[in-house]
Amino acid sequence: MVDFWTQRKRPQRLERRIEFPNYDATRDFLDFTGDLSDREDFYPDMNFGSTHVSMTIQIEDEAVGLTAKQKAFIDQVNEYAPGDKIQQPLDGDYKEDKGD
């Protein structure tokens, strides 16, 4: 489910950076995630440049893991942007970043 996302420990969170070929593609993704956030009532931390977007999803309770809203958001982002050249796919729900 969380392919291309990286888990960080302190604080517990998932991160993903997505590269785009131009600003128009970046803007389309930002519009998509804005609509998605409104629909899912979930608003991750995001920052962007002209050809990239970085997203952070905080894991509030490590014992519980991702919430249903977070999972739905991640699934839909992964469907819109199924791959990138920055991250390596992860196995399982999430996996600790080894700091490579």
PDB file of N, CA and C in Angstrom:
ATOM      1  N   MET A   1       0.809  -1.190   0.000  1.00  0.00           N
ATOM      2  CA  MET A   1       0.000   0.000   0.000  1.00  0.00           C
ATOM      3  C   MET A   1       0.859   1.263   0.000  1.00  0.00           C
ATOM      4  N   VAL A   2       1.961   1.273   0.706  1.00  0.00           N
ATOM      5  CA  VAL A   2       2.731   2.512   0.812  1.00  0.00           C
ATOM      6  C   VAL A   2       4.006   2.460  -0.024  1.00  0.00           C
ATOM      7  N   ASP A   3       3.911   1.826  -1.186  1.00  0.00           N
ATOM      8  CA  ASP A   3       5.060   1.823  -2.087  1.00  0.00           C
ATOM      9  C   ASP A   3       5.542   3.252  -2.301  1.00  0.00           C
ATOM     10  N   PHE A   4       6.842   3.394  -2.359  1.00  0.00           N
ATOM     11  CA  PHE A   4       7.506   4.667  -2.628  1.00  0.00           C
ATOM     12  C   PHE A   4       7.434   5.655  -1.466  1.00  0.00           C
ATOM     13  N   TRP A   5       6.988   5.234  -0.306  1.00  0.00           N
ATOM     14  CA  TRP A   5       6.994   6.073   0.889  1.00  0.00           C
ATOM     15  C   TRP A   5       8.118   5.571   1.797  1.00  0.00           C
ATOM     16  N   THR A   6       8.724   6.485   2.521  1.00  0.00           N
ATOM     17  CA  THR A   6       9.808   6.150   3.435  1.00  0.00           C
ATOM     18  C   THR A   6       9.355   6.453   4.862  1.00  0.00           C
ATOM     19  N   GLN A   7       9.579   5.500   5.767  1.00  0.00           N
ATOM     20  CA  GLN A   7       9.238   5.723   7.165  1.00  0.00           C
ATOM     21  C   GLN A   7      10.404   6.387   7.876  1.00  0.00           C
ATOM     22  N   ARG A   8      10.099   7.371   8.692  1.00  0.00           N
ATOM     23  CA  ARG A   8      11.073   8.020   9.568  1.00  0.00           C
ATOM     24  C   ARG A   8      10.640   7.779  11.015  1.00  0.00           C
ATOM     25  N   LYS A   9      11.633   7.804  11.919  1.00  0.00           N
ATOM     26  CA  LYS A   9      11.352   7.453  13.315  1.00  0.00           C
ATOM     27  C   LYS A   9      10.937   8.611  14.216  1.00  0.00           C
ATOM     28  N   ARG A  10      11.641   9.694  14.204  1.00  0.00           N
ATOM     29  CA  ARG A  10      11.414  10.750  15.202  1.00  0.00           C
ATOM     30  C   ARG A  10      11.061  12.062  14.533  1.00  0.00           C
ATOM     31  N   PRO A  11       9.834  12.451  14.497  1.00  0.00           N
ATOM     32  CA  PRO A  11       8.662  11.687  14.936  1.00  0.00           C
ATOM     33  C   PRO A  11       8.272  10.654  13.889  1.00  0.00           C
ATOM     34  N   GLN A  12       7.451   9.675  14.309  1.00  0.00           N
ATOM     35  CA  GLN A  12       6.987   8.642  13.393  1.00  0.00           C
ATOM     36  C   GLN A  12       6.216   9.296  12.250  1.00  0.00           C
ATOM     37  N   ARG A  13       6.633   9.002  11.003  1.00  0.00           N
ATOM     38  CA  ARG A  13       5.972   9.609   9.853  1.00  0.00           C
ATOM     39  C   ARG A  13       6.357   8.853   8.592  1.00  0.00           C
ATOM     40  N   LEU A  14       5.560   9.059   7.540  1.00  0.00           N
ATOM     41  CA  LEU A  14       5.883   8.576   6.204  1.00  0.00           C
ATOM     42  C   LEU A  14       6.159   9.789   5.335  1.00  0.00           C
ATOM     43  N   GLU A  15       7.138   9.655   4.442  1.00  0.00           N
ATOM     44  CA  GLU A  15       7.488  10.761   3.551  1.00  0.00           C
ATOM     45  C   GLU A  15       7.562  10.255   2.117  1.00  0.00           C
ATOM     46  N   ARG A  16       7.204  11.142   1.201  1.00  0.00           N
ATOM     47  CA  ARG A  16       7.356  10.828  -0.221  1.00  0.00           C
ATOM     48  C   ARG A  16       7.648  12.116  -0.976  1.00  0.00           C
ATOM     49  N   ARG A  17       8.563  12.030  -1.911  1.00  0.00           N
ATOM     50  CA  ARG A  17       8.869  13.138  -2.826  1.00  0.00           C
ATOM     51  C   ARG A  17       8.554  12.653  -4.228  1.00  0.00           C
ATOM     52  N   ILE A  18       7.776  13.439  -4.950  1.00  0.00           N
ATOM     53  CA  ILE A  18       7.366  13.084  -6.301  1.00  0.00           C
ATOM     54  C   ILE A  18       7.882  14.154  -7.250  1.00  0.00           C
ATOM     55  N   GLU A  19       8.598  13.718  -8.272  1.00  0.00           N
ATOM     56  CA  GLU A  19       9.145  14.619  -9.292  1.00  0.00           C
ATOM     57  C   GLU A  19       8.189  14.710 -10.477  1.00  0.00           C
ATOM     58  N   PHE A  20       8.098  15.886 -11.091  1.00  0.00           N
ATOM     59  CA  PHE A  20       7.240  16.114 -12.248  1.00  0.00           C
ATOM     60  C   PHE A  20       8.062  16.745 -13.370  1.00  0.00           C
ATOM     61  N   PRO A  21       7.636  16.556 -14.623  1.00  0.00           N
ATOM     62  CA  PRO A  21       8.415  17.070 -15.754  1.00  0.00           C
ATOM     63  C   PRO A  21       8.351  18.586 -15.913  1.00  0.00           C
ATOM     64  N   ASN A  22       7.296  19.216 -15.352  1.00  0.00           N
ATOM     65  CA  ASN A  22       7.145  20.665 -15.503  1.00  0.00           C
ATOM     66  C   ASN A  22       6.168  21.185 -14.449  1.00  0.00           C
ATOM     67  N   TYR A  23       6.037  22.509 -14.390  1.00  0.00           N
ATOM     68  CA  TYR A  23       5.166  23.115 -13.379  1.00  0.00           C
ATOM     69  C   TYR A  23       3.705  22.745 -13.593  1.00  0.00           C
ATOM     70  N   ASP A  24       3.259  22.650 -14.843  1.00  0.00           N
ATOM     71  CA  ASP A  24       1.857  22.308 -15.100  1.00  0.00           C
ATOM     72  C   ASP A  24       1.496  20.954 -14.489  1.00  0.00           C
ATOM     73  N   ALA A  25       2.375  19.981 -14.621  1.00  0.00           N
ATOM     74  CA  ALA A  25       2.131  18.664 -14.032  1.00  0.00           C
ATOM     75  C   ALA A  25       2.129  18.747 -12.506  1.00  0.00           C
ATOM     76  N   THR A  26       3.026  19.551 -11.951  1.00  0.00           N
ATOM     77  CA  THR A  26       3.055  19.759 -10.494  1.00  0.00           C
ATOM     78  C   THR A  26       1.751  20.384 -10.036  1.00  0.00           C
ATOM     79  N   ARG A  27       1.308  21.409 -10.741  1.00  0.00           N
ATOM     80  CA  ARG A  27       0.061  22.114 -10.397  1.00  0.00           C
ATOM     81  C   ARG A  27      -1.134  21.169 -10.470  1.00  0.00           C
ATOM     82  N   ASP A  28      -1.183  20.309 -11.494  1.00  0.00           N
ATOM     83  CA  ASP A  28      -2.274  19.334 -11.609  1.00  0.00           C
ATOM     84  C   ASP A  28      -2.297  18.409 -10.393  1.00  0.00           C
ATOM     85  N   PHE A  29      -1.115  17.963  -9.950  1.00  0.00           N
ATOM     86  CA  PHE A  29      -1.049  17.094  -8.780  1.00  0.00           C
ATOM     87  C   PHE A  29      -1.492  17.836  -7.523  1.00  0.00           C
ATOM     88  N   LEU A  30      -1.078  19.081  -7.376  1.00  0.00           N
ATOM     89  CA  LEU A  30      -1.497  19.870  -6.214  1.00  0.00           C
ATOM     90  C   LEU A  30      -3.011  20.059  -6.199  1.00  0.00           C
ATOM     91  N   ASP A  31      -3.609  20.297  -7.363  1.00  0.00           N
ATOM     92  CA  ASP A  31      -5.068  20.416  -7.450  1.00  0.00           C
ATOM     93  C   ASP A  31      -5.732  19.090  -7.071  1.00  0.00           C
ATOM     94  N   PHE A  32      -5.169  17.986  -7.579  1.00  0.00           N
ATOM     95  CA  PHE A  32      -5.694  16.660  -7.247  1.00  0.00           C
ATOM     96  C   PHE A  32      -5.639  16.419  -5.738  1.00  0.00           C
ATOM     97  N   THR A  33      -4.486  16.689  -5.114  1.00  0.00           N
ATOM     98  CA  THR A  33      -4.361  16.422  -3.675  1.00  0.00           C
ATOM     99  C   THR A  33      -5.222  17.374  -2.846  1.00  0.00           C
ATOM    100  N   GLY A  34      -5.434  18.588  -3.332  1.00  0.00           N
ATOM    101  CA  GLY A  34      -6.339  19.507  -2.629  1.00  0.00           C
ATOM    102  C   GLY A  34      -7.759  18.968  -2.618  1.00  0.00           C
ATOM    103  N   ASP A  35      -8.235  18.506  -3.772  1.00  0.00           N
ATOM    104  CA  ASP A  35      -9.574  17.912  -3.857  1.00  0.00           C
ATOM    105  C   ASP A  35      -9.655  16.638  -3.024  1.00  0.00           C
ATOM    106  N   LEU A  36      -8.604  15.818  -3.093  1.00  0.00           N
ATOM    107  CA  LEU A  36      -8.562  14.576  -2.320  1.00  0.00           C
ATOM    108  C   LEU A  36      -8.601  14.866  -0.820  1.00  0.00           C
ATOM    109  N   SER A  37      -7.843  15.839  -0.374  1.00  0.00           N
ATOM    110  CA  SER A  37      -7.837  16.201   1.049  1.00  0.00           C
ATOM    111  C   SER A  37      -9.224  16.634   1.509  1.00  0.00           C
ATOM    112  N   ASP A  38      -9.894  17.426   0.695  1.00  0.00           N
ATOM    113  CA  ASP A  38     -11.251  17.858   1.050  1.00  0.00           C
ATOM    114  C   ASP A  38     -12.201  16.669   1.126  1.00  0.00           C
ATOM    115  N   ARG A  39     -12.107  15.753   0.164  1.00  0.00           N
ATOM    116  CA  ARG A  39     -12.976  14.564   0.144  1.00  0.00           C
ATOM    117  C   ARG A  39     -12.724  13.648   1.332  1.00  0.00           C
ATOM    118  N   GLU A  40     -11.447  13.405   1.627  1.00  0.00           N
ATOM    119  CA  GLU A  40     -11.075  12.468   2.694  1.00  0.00           C
ATOM    120  C   GLU A  40     -11.010  13.138   4.077  1.00  0.00           C
ATOM    121  N   ASP A  41     -11.107  14.464   4.103  1.00  0.00           N
ATOM    122  CA  ASP A  41     -10.960  15.225   5.351  1.00  0.00           C
ATOM    123  C   ASP A  41      -9.641  14.870   6.035  1.00  0.00           C
ATOM    124  N   PHE A  42      -8.585  14.842   5.218  1.00  0.00           N
ATOM    125  CA  PHE A  42      -7.235  14.549   5.698  1.00  0.00           C
ATOM    126  C   PHE A  42      -6.258  15.468   4.975  1.00  0.00           C
ATOM    127  N   TYR A  43      -5.424  16.147   5.741  1.00  0.00           N
ATOM    128  CA  TYR A  43      -4.528  17.162   5.182  1.00  0.00           C
ATOM    129  C   TYR A  43      -3.087  16.896   5.618  1.00  0.00           C
ATOM    130  N   PRO A  44      -2.310  16.208   4.771  1.00  0.00           N
ATOM    131  CA  PRO A  44      -0.917  15.936   5.121  1.00  0.00           C
ATOM    132  C   PRO A  44      -0.066  17.201   5.003  1.00  0.00           C
ATOM    133  N   ASP A  45       1.101  17.164   5.601  1.00  0.00           N
ATOM    134  CA  ASP A  45       2.057  18.254   5.418  1.00  0.00           C
ATOM    135  C   ASP A  45       2.623  18.138   4.005  1.00  0.00           C
ATOM    136  N   MET A  46       2.658  19.262   3.286  1.00  0.00           N
ATOM    137  CA  MET A  46       3.168  19.252   1.919  1.00  0.00           C
ATOM    138  C   MET A  46       3.999  20.499   1.674  1.00  0.00           C
ATOM    139  N   ASN A  47       5.029  20.337   0.851  1.00  0.00           N
ATOM    140  CA  ASN A  47       5.747  21.497   0.315  1.00  0.00           C
ATOM    141  C   ASN A  47       6.106  21.160  -1.119  1.00  0.00           C
ATOM    142  N   PHE A  48       6.369  22.190  -1.901  1.00  0.00           N
ATOM    143  CA  PHE A  48       6.599  21.934  -3.316  1.00  0.00           C
ATOM    144  C   PHE A  48       7.488  22.991  -3.930  1.00  0.00           C
ATOM    145  N   GLY A  49       8.087  22.599  -5.036  1.00  0.00           N
ATOM    146  CA  GLY A  49       8.832  23.493  -5.908  1.00  0.00           C
ATOM    147  C   GLY A  49       8.195  23.414  -7.277  1.00  0.00           C
ATOM    148  N   SER A  50       8.824  23.990  -8.261  1.00  0.00           N
ATOM    149  CA  SER A  50       8.203  24.021  -9.585  1.00  0.00           C
ATOM    150  C   SER A  50       8.047  22.638 -10.206  1.00  0.00           C
ATOM    151  N   THR A  51       8.912  21.688  -9.840  1.00  0.00           N
ATOM    152  CA  THR A  51       8.812  20.353 -10.444  1.00  0.00           C
ATOM    153  C   THR A  51       8.861  19.214  -9.426  1.00  0.00           C
ATOM    154  N   HIS A  52       8.476  19.475  -8.184  1.00  0.00           N
ATOM    155  CA  HIS A  52       8.401  18.395  -7.203  1.00  0.00           C
ATOM    156  C   HIS A  52       7.403  18.737  -6.110  1.00  0.00           C
ATOM    157  N   VAL A  53       6.918  17.682  -5.445  1.00  0.00           N
ATOM    158  CA  VAL A  53       6.067  17.817  -4.261  1.00  0.00           C
ATOM    159  C   VAL A  53       6.601  16.851  -3.221  1.00  0.00           C
ATOM    160  N   SER A  54       6.758  17.336  -1.992  1.00  0.00           N
ATOM    161  CA  SER A  54       7.138  16.482  -0.871  1.00  0.00           C
ATOM    162  C   SER A  54       5.956  16.413   0.084  1.00  0.00           C
ATOM    163  N   MET A  55       5.643  15.203   0.525  1.00  0.00           N
ATOM    164  CA  MET A  55       4.505  14.989   1.422  1.00  0.00           C
ATOM    165  C   MET A  55       4.977  14.263   2.666  1.00  0.00           C
ATOM    166  N   THR A  56       4.390  14.625   3.805  1.00  0.00           N
ATOM    167  CA  THR A  56       4.668  13.952   5.068  1.00  0.00           C
ATOM    168  C   THR A  56       3.346  13.601   5.723  1.00  0.00           C
ATOM    169  N   ILE A  57       3.226  12.345   6.132  1.00  0.00           N
ATOM    170  CA  ILE A  57       2.046  11.882   6.857  1.00  0.00           C
ATOM    171  C   ILE A  57       2.515  11.447   8.240  1.00  0.00           C
ATOM    172  N   GLN A  58       2.028  12.150   9.255  1.00  0.00           N
ATOM    173  CA  GLN A  58       2.409  11.860  10.634  1.00  0.00           C
ATOM    174  C   GLN A  58       1.687  10.603  11.123  1.00  0.00           C
ATOM    175  N   ILE A  59       2.409   9.717  11.790  1.00  0.00           N
ATOM    176  CA  ILE A  59       1.816   8.538  12.431  1.00  0.00           C
ATOM    177  C   ILE A  59       1.658   8.892  13.896  1.00  0.00           C
ATOM    178  N   GLU A  60       0.425   9.174  14.281  1.00  0.00           N
ATOM    179  CA  GLU A  60       0.153   9.685  15.623  1.00  0.00           C
ATOM    180  C   GLU A  60       0.383   8.640  16.714  1.00  0.00           C
ATOM    181  N   ASP A  61       0.031   7.390  16.434  1.00  0.00           N
ATOM    182  CA  ASP A  61       0.160   6.328  17.430  1.00  0.00           C
ATOM    183  C   ASP A  61       0.837   5.136  16.772  1.00  0.00           C
ATOM    184  N   GLU A  62       2.097   4.906  17.116  1.00  0.00           N
ATOM    185  CA  GLU A  62       2.875   3.833  16.488  1.00  0.00           C
ATOM    186  C   GLU A  62       2.208   2.476  16.669  1.00  0.00           C
ATOM    187  N   ALA A  63       1.564   2.260  17.806  1.00  0.00           N
ATOM    188  CA  ALA A  63       0.921   0.974  18.069  1.00  0.00           C
ATOM    189  C   ALA A  63      -0.267   0.741  17.133  1.00  0.00           C
ATOM    190  N   VAL A  64      -0.947   1.815  16.760  1.00  0.00           N
ATOM    191  CA  VAL A  64      -2.116   1.714  15.886  1.00  0.00           C
ATOM    192  C   VAL A  64      -1.695   1.749  14.425  1.00  0.00           C
ATOM    193  N   GLY A  65      -0.689   2.547  14.104  1.00  0.00           N
ATOM    194  CA  GLY A  65      -0.227   2.686  12.722  1.00  0.00           C
ATOM    195  C   GLY A  65      -1.066   3.702  11.964  1.00  0.00           C
ATOM    196  N   LEU A  66      -1.193   3.487  10.675  1.00  0.00           N
ATOM    197  CA  LEU A  66      -1.923   4.420   9.824  1.00  0.00           C
ATOM    198  C   LEU A  66      -3.423   4.320  10.069  1.00  0.00           C
ATOM    199  N   THR A  67      -4.097   5.475  10.017  1.00  0.00           N
ATOM    200  CA  THR A  67      -5.551   5.494  10.144  1.00  0.00           C
ATOM    201  C   THR A  67      -6.181   5.151   8.797  1.00  0.00           C
ATOM    202  N   ALA A  68      -7.469   4.887   8.801  1.00  0.00           N
ATOM    203  CA  ALA A  68      -8.195   4.591   7.562  1.00  0.00           C
ATOM    204  C   ALA A  68      -8.113   5.772   6.594  1.00  0.00           C
ATOM    205  N   LYS A  69      -8.218   7.002   7.105  1.00  0.00           N
ATOM    206  CA  LYS A  69      -8.113   8.192   6.249  1.00  0.00           C
ATOM    207  C   LYS A  69      -6.729   8.286   5.618  1.00  0.00           C
ATOM    208  N   GLN A  70      -5.700   8.017   6.406  1.00  0.00           N
ATOM    209  CA  GLN A  70      -4.336   8.068   5.879  1.00  0.00           C
ATOM    210  C   GLN A  70      -4.132   7.002   4.806  1.00  0.00           C
ATOM    211  N   LYS A  71      -4.621   5.777   5.056  1.00  0.00           N
ATOM    212  CA  LYS A  71      -4.480   4.702   4.079  1.00  0.00           C
ATOM    213  C   LYS A  71      -5.200   5.047   2.781  1.00  0.00           C
ATOM    214  N   ALA A  72      -6.411   5.589   2.896  1.00  0.00           N
ATOM    215  CA  ALA A  72      -7.180   5.961   1.699  1.00  0.00           C
ATOM    216  C   ALA A  72      -6.449   7.040   0.915  1.00  0.00           C
ATOM    217  N   PHE A  73      -5.886   8.007   1.626  1.00  0.00           N
ATOM    218  CA  PHE A  73      -5.148   9.087   0.972  1.00  0.00           C
ATOM    219  C   PHE A  73      -3.927   8.539   0.240  1.00  0.00           C
ATOM    220  N   ILE A  74      -3.145   7.705   0.919  1.00  0.00           N
ATOM    221  CA  ILE A  74      -1.938   7.117   0.327  1.00  0.00           C
ATOM    222  C   ILE A  74      -2.290   6.295  -0.908  1.00  0.00           C
ATOM    223  N   ASP A  75      -3.332   5.471  -0.807  1.00  0.00           N
ATOM    224  CA  ASP A  75      -3.737   4.648  -1.947  1.00  0.00           C
ATOM    225  C   ASP A  75      -4.066   5.504  -3.163  1.00  0.00           C
ATOM    226  N   GLN A  76      -4.780   6.595  -2.951  1.00  0.00           N
ATOM    227  CA  GLN A  76      -5.185   7.435  -4.073  1.00  0.00           C
ATOM    228  C   GLN A  76      -4.014   8.242  -4.639  1.00  0.00           C
ATOM    229  N   VAL A  77      -3.101   8.676  -3.782  1.00  0.00           N
ATOM    230  CA  VAL A  77      -1.891   9.349  -4.278  1.00  0.00           C
ATOM    231  C   VAL A  77      -1.061   8.360  -5.093  1.00  0.00           C
ATOM    232  N   ASN A  78      -0.916   7.129  -4.599  1.00  0.00           N
ATOM    233  CA  ASN A  78      -0.145   6.114  -5.320  1.00  0.00           C
ATOM    234  C   ASN A  78      -0.795   5.778  -6.658  1.00  0.00           C
ATOM    235  N   GLU A  79      -2.113   5.811  -6.719  1.00  0.00           N
ATOM    236  CA  GLU A  79      -2.799   5.555  -7.986  1.00  0.00           C
ATOM    237  C   GLU A  79      -2.541   6.692  -8.978  1.00  0.00           C
ATOM    238  N   TYR A  80      -2.553   7.929  -8.493  1.00  0.00           N
ATOM    239  CA  TYR A  80      -2.305   9.088  -9.357  1.00  0.00           C
ATOM    240  C   TYR A  80      -0.841   9.128  -9.805  1.00  0.00           C
ATOM    241  N   ALA A  81       0.057   8.885  -8.876  1.00  0.00           N
ATOM    242  CA  ALA A  81       1.504   8.931  -9.145  1.00  0.00           C
ATOM    243  C   ALA A  81       2.099   7.600  -8.715  1.00  0.00           C
ATOM    244  N   PRO A  82       1.962   6.545  -9.554  1.00  0.00           N
ATOM    245  CA  PRO A  82       2.338   5.204  -9.122  1.00  0.00           C
ATOM    246  C   PRO A  82       3.831   4.951  -8.964  1.00  0.00           C
ATOM    247  N   GLY A  83       4.668   5.845  -9.402  1.00  0.00           N
ATOM    248  CA  GLY A  83       6.094   5.617  -9.242  1.00  0.00           C
ATOM    249  C   GLY A  83       6.863   6.913  -9.347  1.00  0.00           C
ATOM    250  N   ASP A  84       8.081   6.868  -8.894  1.00  0.00           N
ATOM    251  CA  ASP A  84       8.978   8.004  -9.066  1.00  0.00           C
ATOM    252  C   ASP A  84      10.406   7.480  -9.019  1.00  0.00           C
ATOM    253  N   LYS A  85      11.343   8.333  -9.294  1.00  0.00           N
ATOM    254  CA  LYS A  85      12.740   7.903  -9.352  1.00  0.00           C
ATOM    255  C   LYS A  85      13.486   8.168  -8.058  1.00  0.00           C
ATOM    256  N   ILE A  86      12.788   8.661  -7.045  1.00  0.00           N
ATOM    257  CA  ILE A  86      13.448   9.098  -5.815  1.00  0.00           C
ATOM    258  C   ILE A  86      13.498   7.981  -4.768  1.00  0.00           C
ATOM    259  N   GLN A  87      12.361   7.334  -4.516  1.00  0.00           N
ATOM    260  CA  GLN A  87      12.266   6.365  -3.435  1.00  0.00           C
ATOM    261  C   GLN A  87      12.332   4.941  -3.959  1.00  0.00           C
ATOM    262  N   GLN A  88      12.687   4.011  -3.104  1.00  0.00           N
ATOM    263  CA  GLN A  88      12.618   2.590  -3.410  1.00  0.00           C
ATOM    264  C   GLN A  88      11.296   2.049  -2.877  1.00  0.00           C
ATOM    265  N   PRO A  89      10.638   1.134  -3.592  1.00  0.00           N
ATOM    266  CA  PRO A  89       9.392   0.552  -3.080  1.00  0.00           C
ATOM    267  C   PRO A  89       9.633  -0.121  -1.733  1.00  0.00           C
ATOM    268  N   LEU A  90       8.615  -0.071  -0.893  1.00  0.00           N
ATOM    269  CA  LEU A  90       8.698  -0.682   0.428  1.00  0.00           C
ATOM    270  C   LEU A  90       7.841  -1.934   0.470  1.00  0.00           C
ATOM    271  N   ASP A  91       8.203  -2.890   1.320  1.00  0.00           N
ATOM    272  CA  ASP A  91       7.406  -4.090   1.531  1.00  0.00           C
ATOM    273  C   ASP A  91       6.487  -3.874   2.722  1.00  0.00           C
ATOM    274  N   GLY A  92       5.299  -4.459   2.680  1.00  0.00           N
ATOM    275  CA  GLY A  92       4.376  -4.383   3.801  1.00  0.00           C
ATOM    276  C   GLY A  92       3.760  -3.008   3.942  1.00  0.00           C
ATOM    277  N   ASP A  93       3.165  -2.750   5.103  1.00  0.00           N
ATOM    278  CA  ASP A  93       2.510  -1.467   5.333  1.00  0.00           C
ATOM    279  C   ASP A  93       3.501  -0.330   5.382  1.00  0.00           C
ATOM    280  N   TYR A  94       4.585  -0.484   6.121  1.00  0.00           N
ATOM    281  CA  TYR A  94       5.693   0.462   6.051  1.00  0.00           C
ATOM    282  C   TYR A  94       6.911  -0.180   6.660  1.00  0.00           C
ATOM    283  N   LYS A  95       8.049   0.390   6.341  1.00  0.00           N
ATOM    284  CA  LYS A  95       9.306  -0.216   6.743  1.00  0.00           C
ATOM    285  C   LYS A  95      10.272   0.910   7.139  1.00  0.00           C
ATOM    286  N   GLU A  96      11.056   0.657   8.139  1.00  0.00           N
ATOM    287  CA  GLU A  96      12.002   1.644   8.623  1.00  0.00           C
ATOM    288  C   GLU A  96      13.039   1.993   7.565  1.00  0.00           C
ATOM    289  N   ASP A  97      13.303   3.288   7.421  1.00  0.00           N
ATOM    290  CA  ASP A  97      14.360   3.752   6.520  1.00  0.00           C
ATOM    291  C   ASP A  97      15.711   3.397   7.129  1.00  0.00           C
ATOM    292  N   LYS A  98      16.561   2.785   6.346  1.00  0.00           N
ATOM    293  CA  LYS A  98      17.879   2.371   6.838  1.00  0.00           C
ATOM    294  C   LYS A  98      18.926   3.462   6.690  1.00  0.00           C
ATOM    295  N   GLY A  99      18.527   4.632   6.139  1.00  0.00           N
ATOM    296  CA  GLY A  99      19.458   5.750   6.021  1.00  0.00           C
ATOM    297  C   GLY A  99      20.510   5.557   4.963  1.00  0.00           C
ATOM    298  N   ASP A 100      20.175   4.856   3.864  1.00  0.00           N
ATOM    299  CA  ASP A 100      21.141   4.601   2.793  1.00  0.00           C
ATOM    300  C   ASP A 100      21.634   5.863   2.163  1.00  0.00           C
TER     301      ASP A 100
END
